[in-house]
PDB file of N, CA and C in Angstrom:
ATOM      1  N   MET A   1     -13.362   8.777  -5.692  1.00  0.00           N
ATOM      2  CA  MET A   1     -11.964   8.439  -5.631  1.00  0.00           C
ATOM      3  C   MET A   1     -11.424   8.397  -7.059  1.00  0.00           C
ATOM      4  N   GLU A   2     -10.307   9.073  -7.262  1.00  0.00           N
ATOM      5  CA  GLU A   2      -9.725   9.140  -8.597  1.00  0.00           C
ATOM      6  C   GLU A   2      -8.596   8.157  -8.817  1.00  0.00           C
ATOM      7  N   ALA A   3      -7.941   7.729  -7.745  1.00  0.00           N
ATOM      8  CA  ALA A   3      -6.820   6.786  -7.829  1.00  0.00           C
ATOM      9  C   ALA A   3      -6.566   6.230  -6.431  1.00  0.00           C
ATOM     10  N   ALA A   4      -5.752   5.187  -6.355  1.00  0.00           N
ATOM     11  CA  ALA A   4      -5.424   4.584  -5.068  1.00  0.00           C
ATOM     12  C   ALA A   4      -3.952   4.208  -5.027  1.00  0.00           C
ATOM     13  N   ILE A   5      -3.377   4.312  -3.835  1.00  0.00           N
ATOM     14  CA  ILE A   5      -2.043   3.791  -3.586  1.00  0.00           C
ATOM     15  C   ILE A   5      -2.194   2.737  -2.504  1.00  0.00           C
ATOM     16  N   VAL A   6      -1.716   1.529  -2.791  1.00  0.00           N
ATOM     17  CA  VAL A   6      -1.818   0.411  -1.860  1.00  0.00           C
ATOM     18  C   VAL A   6      -0.403  -0.006  -1.481  1.00  0.00           C
ATOM     19  N   VAL A   7      -0.144  -0.081  -0.170  1.00  0.00           N
ATOM     20  CA  VAL A   7       1.164  -0.506   0.325  1.00  0.00           C
ATOM     21  C   VAL A   7       1.019  -1.940   0.820  1.00  0.00           C
ATOM     22  N   THR A   8       1.492  -2.890   0.031  1.00  0.00           N
ATOM     23  CA  THR A   8       1.388  -4.303   0.395  1.00  0.00           C
ATOM     24  C   THR A   8       2.281  -5.147  -0.494  1.00  0.00           C
ATOM     25  N   ASN A   9       2.546  -6.344  -0.030  1.00  0.00           N
ATOM     26  CA  ASN A   9       3.127  -7.385  -0.871  1.00  0.00           C
ATOM     27  C   ASN A   9       2.431  -8.703  -0.515  1.00  0.00           C
ATOM     28  N   ASP A  10       1.203  -8.583  -0.025  1.00  0.00           N
ATOM     29  CA  ASP A  10       0.414  -9.728   0.423  1.00  0.00           C
ATOM     30  C   ASP A  10      -0.378 -10.300  -0.746  1.00  0.00           C
ATOM     31  N   SER A  11      -0.032 -11.505  -1.167  1.00  0.00           N
ATOM     32  CA  SER A  11      -0.683 -12.123  -2.328  1.00  0.00           C
ATOM     33  C   SER A  11      -2.176 -12.383  -2.098  1.00  0.00           C
ATOM     34  N   ASP A  12      -2.634 -12.372  -0.841  1.00  0.00           N
ATOM     35  CA  ASP A  12      -4.069 -12.527  -0.570  1.00  0.00           C
ATOM     36  C   ASP A  12      -4.890 -11.363  -1.116  1.00  0.00           C
ATOM     37  N   LEU A  13      -4.238 -10.267  -1.470  1.00  0.00           N
ATOM     38  CA  LEU A  13      -4.959  -9.103  -1.991  1.00  0.00           C
ATOM     39  C   LEU A  13      -5.083  -9.114  -3.516  1.00  0.00           C
ATOM     40  N   LYS A  14      -4.811 -10.242  -4.143  1.00  0.00           N
ATOM     41  CA  LYS A  14      -4.901 -10.341  -5.604  1.00  0.00           C
ATOM     42  C   LYS A  14      -6.278  -9.916  -6.113  1.00  0.00           C
ATOM     43  N   LEU A  15      -7.344 -10.492  -5.577  1.00  0.00           N
ATOM     44  CA  LEU A  15      -8.695 -10.174  -6.053  1.00  0.00           C
ATOM     45  C   LEU A  15      -9.092  -8.725  -5.758  1.00  0.00           C
ATOM     46  N   PRO A  16      -8.905  -8.216  -4.526  1.00  0.00           N
ATOM     47  CA  PRO A  16      -9.245  -6.814  -4.302  1.00  0.00           C
ATOM     48  C   PRO A  16      -8.476  -5.850  -5.210  1.00  0.00           C
ATOM     49  N   LEU A  17      -7.188  -6.146  -5.472  1.00  0.00           N
ATOM     50  CA  LEU A  17      -6.423  -5.287  -6.372  1.00  0.00           C
ATOM     51  C   LEU A  17      -6.950  -5.357  -7.806  1.00  0.00           C
ATOM     52  N   LYS A  18      -7.350  -6.546  -8.242  1.00  0.00           N
ATOM     53  CA  LYS A  18      -7.928  -6.674  -9.585  1.00  0.00           C
ATOM     54  C   LYS A  18      -9.195  -5.835  -9.691  1.00  0.00           C
ATOM     55  N   GLU A  19     -10.050  -5.949  -8.696  1.00  0.00           N
ATOM     56  CA  GLU A  19     -11.301  -5.174  -8.699  1.00  0.00           C
ATOM     57  C   GLU A  19     -11.021  -3.671  -8.672  1.00  0.00           C
ATOM     58  N   LEU A  20     -10.047  -3.262  -7.891  1.00  0.00           N
ATOM     59  CA  LEU A  20      -9.690  -1.852  -7.805  1.00  0.00           C
ATOM     60  C   LEU A  20      -9.144  -1.350  -9.132  1.00  0.00           C
ATOM     61  N   ARG A  21      -8.288  -2.155  -9.779  1.00  0.00           N
ATOM     62  CA  ARG A  21      -7.717  -1.751 -11.068  1.00  0.00           C
ATOM     63  C   ARG A  21      -8.762  -1.625 -12.164  1.00  0.00           C
ATOM     64  N   ASP A  22      -9.895  -2.316 -12.012  1.00  0.00           N
ATOM     65  CA  ASP A  22     -10.988  -2.166 -12.969  1.00  0.00           C
ATOM     66  C   ASP A  22     -11.694  -0.820 -12.820  1.00  0.00           C
ATOM     67  N   ARG A  23     -11.483  -0.144 -11.684  1.00  0.00           N
ATOM     68  CA  ARG A  23     -12.220   1.078 -11.382  1.00  0.00           C
ATOM     69  C   ARG A  23     -11.386   2.362 -11.392  1.00  0.00           C
ATOM     70  N   VAL A  24     -10.149   2.269 -10.896  1.00  0.00           N
ATOM     71  CA  VAL A  24      -9.293   3.464 -10.807  1.00  0.00           C
ATOM     72  C   VAL A  24      -7.831   3.066 -11.042  1.00  0.00           C
ATOM     73  N   PRO A  25      -6.990   4.021 -11.415  1.00  0.00           N
ATOM     74  CA  PRO A  25      -5.562   3.733 -11.491  1.00  0.00           C
ATOM     75  C   PRO A  25      -5.028   3.392 -10.094  1.00  0.00           C
ATOM     76  N   VAL A  26      -4.139   2.396 -10.033  1.00  0.00           N
ATOM     77  CA  VAL A  26      -3.604   1.931  -8.753  1.00  0.00           C
ATOM     78  C   VAL A  26      -2.082   1.979  -8.769  1.00  0.00           C
ATOM     79  N   GLY A  27      -1.522   2.582  -7.729  1.00  0.00           N
ATOM     80  CA  GLY A  27      -0.089   2.519  -7.483  1.00  0.00           C
ATOM     81  C   GLY A  27       0.134   1.478  -6.395  1.00  0.00           C
ATOM     82  N   LEU A  28       0.962   0.493  -6.661  1.00  0.00           N
ATOM     83  CA  LEU A  28       1.244  -0.570  -5.698  1.00  0.00           C
ATOM     84  C   LEU A  28       2.660  -0.402  -5.179  1.00  0.00           C
ATOM     85  N   LEU A  29       2.795  -0.168  -3.878  1.00  0.00           N
ATOM     86  CA  LEU A  29       4.098  -0.016  -3.252  1.00  0.00           C
ATOM     87  C   LEU A  29       4.407  -1.237  -2.405  1.00  0.00           C
ATOM     88  N   ASN A  30       5.508  -1.892  -2.706  1.00  0.00           N
ATOM     89  CA  ASN A  30       5.966  -3.059  -1.954  1.00  0.00           C
ATOM     90  C   ASN A  30       6.799  -2.555  -0.771  1.00  0.00           C
ATOM     91  N   PRO A  31       6.375  -2.876   0.477  1.00  0.00           N
ATOM     92  CA  PRO A  31       7.121  -2.388   1.634  1.00  0.00           C
ATOM     93  C   PRO A  31       8.296  -3.300   1.996  1.00  0.00           C
ATOM     94  N   GLY A  32       9.112  -3.602   1.040  1.00  0.00           N
ATOM     95  CA  GLY A  32      10.256  -4.480   1.295  1.00  0.00           C
ATOM     96  C   GLY A  32      11.403  -4.147   0.372  1.00  0.00           C
ATOM     97  N   ASN A  33      12.554  -4.672   0.675  1.00  0.00           N
ATOM     98  CA  ASN A  33      13.745  -4.471  -0.135  1.00  0.00           C
ATOM     99  C   ASN A  33      13.534  -5.121  -1.500  1.00  0.00           C
ATOM    100  N   LYS A  34      13.596  -4.332  -2.568  1.00  0.00           N
ATOM    101  CA  LYS A  34      13.296  -4.870  -3.896  1.00  0.00           C
ATOM    102  C   LYS A  34      14.285  -5.940  -4.341  1.00  0.00           C
ATOM    103  N   LYS A  35      15.499  -5.915  -3.801  1.00  0.00           N
ATOM    104  CA  LYS A  35      16.483  -6.933  -4.180  1.00  0.00           C
ATOM    105  C   LYS A  35      16.142  -8.279  -3.527  1.00  0.00           C
ATOM    106  N   TRP A  36      15.728  -8.253  -2.264  1.00  0.00           N
ATOM    107  CA  TRP A  36      15.496  -9.489  -1.517  1.00  0.00           C
ATOM    108  C   TRP A  36      14.035  -9.889  -1.453  1.00  0.00           C
ATOM    109  N   ARG A  37      13.140  -8.953  -1.713  1.00  0.00           N
ATOM    110  CA  ARG A  37      11.719  -9.250  -1.593  1.00  0.00           C
ATOM    111  C   ARG A  37      10.960  -8.641  -2.773  1.00  0.00           C
ATOM    112  N   PRO A  38      11.043  -9.277  -3.938  1.00  0.00           N
ATOM    113  CA  PRO A  38      10.359  -8.717  -5.108  1.00  0.00           C
ATOM    114  C   PRO A  38       8.845  -8.739  -4.919  1.00  0.00           C
ATOM    115  N   THR A  39       8.162  -7.904  -5.675  1.00  0.00           N
ATOM    116  CA  THR A  39       6.703  -7.856  -5.601  1.00  0.00           C
ATOM    117  C   THR A  39       6.120  -9.215  -5.963  1.00  0.00           C
ATOM    118  N   ALA A  40       5.170  -9.679  -5.149  1.00  0.00           N
ATOM    119  CA  ALA A  40       4.532 -10.987  -5.359  1.00  0.00           C
ATOM    120  C   ALA A  40       3.978 -11.057  -6.781  1.00  0.00           C
ATOM    121  N   GLY A  41       4.257 -12.161  -7.455  1.00  0.00           N
ATOM    122  CA  GLY A  41       3.864 -12.332  -8.854  1.00  0.00           C
ATOM    123  C   GLY A  41       2.384 -12.123  -9.110  1.00  0.00           C
ATOM    124  N   VAL A  42       1.509 -12.579  -8.194  1.00  0.00           N
ATOM    125  CA  VAL A  42       0.064 -12.447  -8.413  1.00  0.00           C
ATOM    126  C   VAL A  42      -0.411 -11.010  -8.265  1.00  0.00           C
ATOM    127  N   LEU A  43       0.428 -10.129  -7.707  1.00  0.00           N
ATOM    128  CA  LEU A  43       0.052  -8.719  -7.576  1.00  0.00           C
ATOM    129  C   LEU A  43       0.490  -7.895  -8.774  1.00  0.00           C
ATOM    130  N   ARG A  44       1.321  -8.479  -9.621  1.00  0.00           N
ATOM    131  CA  ARG A  44       1.782  -7.778 -10.821  1.00  0.00           C
ATOM    132  C   ARG A  44       0.678  -7.791 -11.859  1.00  0.00           C
ATOM    133  N   SER A  45       0.757  -6.878 -12.773  1.00  0.00           N
ATOM    134  CA  SER A  45      -0.246  -6.784 -13.826  1.00  0.00           C
ATOM    135  C   SER A  45       0.368  -5.983 -14.962  1.00  0.00           C
ATOM    136  N   SER A  46      -0.467  -5.333 -15.713  1.00  0.00           N
ATOM    137  CA  SER A  46      -0.019  -4.461 -16.787  1.00  0.00           C
ATOM    138  C   SER A  46      -0.529  -3.050 -16.503  1.00  0.00           C
ATOM    139  N   PRO A  47       0.229  -2.030 -16.875  1.00  0.00           N
ATOM    140  CA  PRO A  47      -0.240  -0.665 -16.661  1.00  0.00           C
ATOM    141  C   PRO A  47      -1.547  -0.354 -17.385  1.00  0.00           C
ATOM    142  N   THR A  48      -1.917  -1.188 -18.366  1.00  0.00           N
ATOM    143  CA  THR A  48      -3.111  -0.901 -19.180  1.00  0.00           C
ATOM    144  C   THR A  48      -4.337  -1.739 -18.805  1.00  0.00           C
ATOM    145  N   VAL A  49      -4.229  -2.622 -17.805  1.00  0.00           N
ATOM    146  CA  VAL A  49      -5.364  -3.455 -17.388  1.00  0.00           C
ATOM    147  C   VAL A  49      -6.471  -2.566 -16.820  1.00  0.00           C
ATOM    148  N   GLY A  50      -7.709  -2.958 -16.997  1.00  0.00           N
ATOM    149  CA  GLY A  50      -8.833  -2.190 -16.441  1.00  0.00           C
ATOM    150  C   GLY A  50      -8.840  -0.770 -16.968  1.00  0.00           C
ATOM    151  N   VAL A  51      -8.886   0.195 -16.051  1.00  0.00           N
ATOM    152  CA  VAL A  51      -8.917   1.593 -16.477  1.00  0.00           C
ATOM    153  C   VAL A  51      -7.544   2.112 -16.876  1.00  0.00           C
ATOM    154  N   GLY A  52      -6.487   1.364 -16.528  1.00  0.00           N
ATOM    155  CA  GLY A  52      -5.133   1.735 -16.923  1.00  0.00           C
ATOM    156  C   GLY A  52      -4.517   2.797 -16.021  1.00  0.00           C
ATOM    157  N   GLY A  53      -3.258   3.092 -16.301  1.00  0.00           N
ATOM    158  CA  GLY A  53      -2.523   4.097 -15.541  1.00  0.00           C
ATOM    159  C   GLY A  53      -1.916   3.567 -14.254  1.00  0.00           C
ATOM    160  N   HIS A  54      -1.796   2.247 -14.128  1.00  0.00           N
ATOM    161  CA  HIS A  54      -1.266   1.642 -12.911  1.00  0.00           C
ATOM    162  C   HIS A  54       0.257   1.721 -12.881  1.00  0.00           C
ATOM    163  N   TRP A  55       0.819   1.691 -11.663  1.00  0.00           N
ATOM    164  CA  TRP A  55       2.272   1.716 -11.515  1.00  0.00           C
ATOM    165  C   TRP A  55       2.682   0.921 -10.280  1.00  0.00           C
ATOM    166  N   TRP A  56       3.985   0.587 -10.204  1.00  0.00           N
ATOM    167  CA  TRP A  56       4.549  -0.240  -9.136  1.00  0.00           C
ATOM    168  C   TRP A  56       5.813   0.402  -8.615  1.00  0.00           C
ATOM    169  N   GLY A  57       6.111   0.164  -7.343  1.00  0.00           N
ATOM    170  CA  GLY A  57       7.344   0.669  -6.760  1.00  0.00           C
ATOM    171  C   GLY A  57       7.633  -0.021  -5.441  1.00  0.00           C
ATOM    172  N   HIS A  58       8.693   0.392  -4.805  1.00  0.00           N
ATOM    173  CA  HIS A  58       9.090  -0.130  -3.498  1.00  0.00           C
ATOM    174  C   HIS A  58       9.189   1.037  -2.524  1.00  0.00           C
ATOM    175  N   ILE A  59       8.948   0.747  -1.266  1.00  0.00           N
ATOM    176  CA  ILE A  59       9.102   1.739  -0.216  1.00  0.00           C
ATOM    177  C   ILE A  59       9.960   1.093   0.874  1.00  0.00           C
ATOM    178  N   SER A  60      10.973   1.801   1.311  1.00  0.00           N
ATOM    179  CA  SER A  60      11.908   1.246   2.290  1.00  0.00           C
ATOM    180  C   SER A  60      11.348   1.361   3.706  1.00  0.00           C
ATOM    181  N   PRO A  61      11.837   0.527   4.627  1.00  0.00           N
ATOM    182  CA  PRO A  61      11.390   0.646   6.020  1.00  0.00           C
ATOM    183  C   PRO A  61      11.578   2.058   6.582  1.00  0.00           C
ATOM    184  N   SER A  62      12.688   2.704   6.259  1.00  0.00           N
ATOM    185  CA  SER A  62      12.895   4.059   6.785  1.00  0.00           C
ATOM    186  C   SER A  62      11.850   5.029   6.237  1.00  0.00           C
ATOM    187  N   GLN A  63      11.380   4.804   5.005  1.00  0.00           N
ATOM    188  CA  GLN A  63      10.358   5.679   4.439  1.00  0.00           C
ATOM    189  C   GLN A  63       9.016   5.499   5.145  1.00  0.00           C
ATOM    190  N   TYR A  64       8.581   4.243   5.349  1.00  0.00           N
ATOM    191  CA  TYR A  64       7.275   4.109   5.986  1.00  0.00           C
ATOM    192  C   TYR A  64       7.340   4.319   7.490  1.00  0.00           C
ATOM    193  N   LEU A  65       8.448   4.025   8.136  1.00  0.00           N
ATOM    194  CA  LEU A  65       8.554   4.297   9.570  1.00  0.00           C
ATOM    195  C   LEU A  65       8.622   5.798   9.847  1.00  0.00           C
ATOM    196  N   GLY A  66       9.198   6.544   8.917  1.00  0.00           N
ATOM    197  CA  GLY A  66       9.321   7.987   9.089  1.00  0.00           C
ATOM    198  C   GLY A  66       8.063   8.767   8.775  1.00  0.00           C
ATOM    199  N   HIS A  67       7.001   8.097   8.327  1.00  0.00           N
ATOM    200  CA  HIS A  67       5.777   8.796   7.948  1.00  0.00           C
ATOM    201  C   HIS A  67       4.546   8.223   8.641  1.00  0.00           C
ATOM    202  N   GLN A  68       4.709   7.814   9.884  1.00  0.00           N
ATOM    203  CA  GLN A  68       3.583   7.306  10.659  1.00  0.00           C
ATOM    204  C   GLN A  68       2.979   8.427  11.492  1.00  0.00           C
ATOM    205  N   LEU A  69       1.755   8.208  11.941  1.00  0.00           N
ATOM    206  CA  LEU A  69       1.122   9.161  12.841  1.00  0.00           C
ATOM    207  C   LEU A  69       1.905   9.203  14.150  1.00  0.00           C
ATOM    208  N   PRO A  70       1.815  10.315  14.864  1.00  0.00           N
ATOM    209  CA  PRO A  70       2.493  10.372  16.161  1.00  0.00           C
ATOM    210  C   PRO A  70       1.863   9.382  17.139  1.00  0.00           C
ATOM    211  N   ASP A  71       2.618   9.017  18.158  1.00  0.00           N
ATOM    212  CA  ASP A  71       2.102   8.116  19.189  1.00  0.00           C
ATOM    213  C   ASP A  71       2.197   8.824  20.532  1.00  0.00           C
ATOM    214  N   PRO A  72       1.095   9.102  21.174  1.00  0.00           N
ATOM    215  CA  PRO A  72      -0.268   8.762  20.782  1.00  0.00           C
ATOM    216  C   PRO A  72      -0.820   9.762  19.766  1.00  0.00           C
ATOM    217  N   ALA A  73      -1.921   9.376  19.111  1.00  0.00           N
ATOM    218  CA  ALA A  73      -2.629  10.241  18.172  1.00  0.00           C
ATOM    219  C   ALA A  73      -4.071  10.366  18.658  1.00  0.00           C
ATOM    220  N   SER A  74      -4.728  11.438  18.267  1.00  0.00           N
ATOM    221  CA  SER A  74      -6.128  11.606  18.675  1.00  0.00           C
ATOM    222  C   SER A  74      -6.985  11.922  17.465  1.00  0.00           C
ATOM    223  N   ASP A  75      -8.265  11.574  17.572  1.00  0.00           N
ATOM    224  CA  ASP A  75      -9.203  11.889  16.499  1.00  0.00           C
ATOM    225  C   ASP A  75      -9.862  13.231  16.805  1.00  0.00           C
ATOM    226  N   PRO A  76     -10.666  13.775  15.857  1.00  0.00           N
ATOM    227  CA  PRO A  76     -11.293  15.089  16.082  1.00  0.00           C
ATOM    228  C   PRO A  76     -12.170  15.144  17.332  1.00  0.00           C
ATOM    229  N   GLY A  77     -12.681  14.006  17.776  1.00  0.00           N
ATOM    230  CA  GLY A  77     -13.510  13.969  18.980  1.00  0.00           C
ATOM    231  C   GLY A  77     -12.691  13.918  20.260  1.00  0.00           C
ATOM    232  N   GLY A  78     -11.368  13.833  20.139  1.00  0.00           N
ATOM    233  CA  GLY A  78     -10.510  13.825  21.309  1.00  0.00           C
ATOM    234  C   GLY A  78     -10.145  12.441  21.821  1.00  0.00           C
ATOM    235  N   LYS A  79     -10.633  11.385  21.159  1.00  0.00           N
ATOM    236  CA  LYS A  79     -10.271  10.036  21.596  1.00  0.00           C
ATOM    237  C   LYS A  79      -8.795   9.792  21.280  1.00  0.00           C
ATOM    238  N   ILE A  80      -8.090   9.214  22.233  1.00  0.00           N
ATOM    239  CA  ILE A  80      -6.647   8.978  22.112  1.00  0.00           C
ATOM    240  C   ILE A  80      -6.387   7.541  21.652  1.00  0.00           C
ATOM    241  N   TYR A  81      -5.471   7.404  20.708  1.00  0.00           N
ATOM    242  CA  TYR A  81      -5.067   6.093  20.186  1.00  0.00           C
ATOM    243  C   TYR A  81      -3.567   5.934  20.359  1.00  0.00           C
ATOM    244  N   SER A  82      -3.137   4.783  20.838  1.00  0.00           N
ATOM    245  CA  SER A  82      -1.717   4.484  20.991  1.00  0.00           C
ATOM    246  C   SER A  82      -1.346   3.277  20.138  1.00  0.00           C
ATOM    247  N   LYS A  83      -0.099   3.244  19.701  1.00  0.00           N
ATOM    248  CA  LYS A  83       0.381   2.091  18.949  1.00  0.00           C
ATOM    249  C   LYS A  83       0.486   0.880  19.878  1.00  0.00           C
ATOM    250  N   PRO A  84       0.241  -0.303  19.344  1.00  0.00           N
ATOM    251  CA  PRO A  84       0.459  -1.506  20.150  1.00  0.00           C
ATOM    252  C   PRO A  84       1.945  -1.646  20.514  1.00  0.00           C
ATOM    253  N   VAL A  85       2.216  -2.270  21.626  1.00  0.00           N
ATOM    254  CA  VAL A  85       3.604  -2.495  22.053  1.00  0.00           C
ATOM    255  C   VAL A  85       4.340  -3.270  20.956  1.00  0.00           C
ATOM    256  N   GLY A  86       5.535  -2.837  20.628  1.00  0.00           N
ATOM    257  CA  GLY A  86       6.340  -3.510  19.616  1.00  0.00           C
ATOM    258  C   GLY A  86       6.242  -2.893  18.221  1.00  0.00           C
ATOM    259  N   TRP A  87       5.375  -1.927  18.039  1.00  0.00           N
ATOM    260  CA  TRP A  87       5.262  -1.301  16.720  1.00  0.00           C
ATOM    261  C   TRP A  87       6.295  -0.227  16.594  1.00  0.00           C
TER     262      TRP A  87
END
């Protein structure tokens, strides 16, 4: 793996993100309105921490809703997966 993009604003991921940043460049996308829901402080860092090259951004609901797998979706073996009700 050469880099990672993580879509979260969950402060519980502070330690996993720190460990990841020590190994590869990480792009952190906050799935919320940047005006009303800023990136959690414990998830912020510096672009030069660990291996460096990290970046931050926001992704809007329309962006992540418009790029989901179809419902239903199937795997290469033909098993069918459906989204839970309400998704």
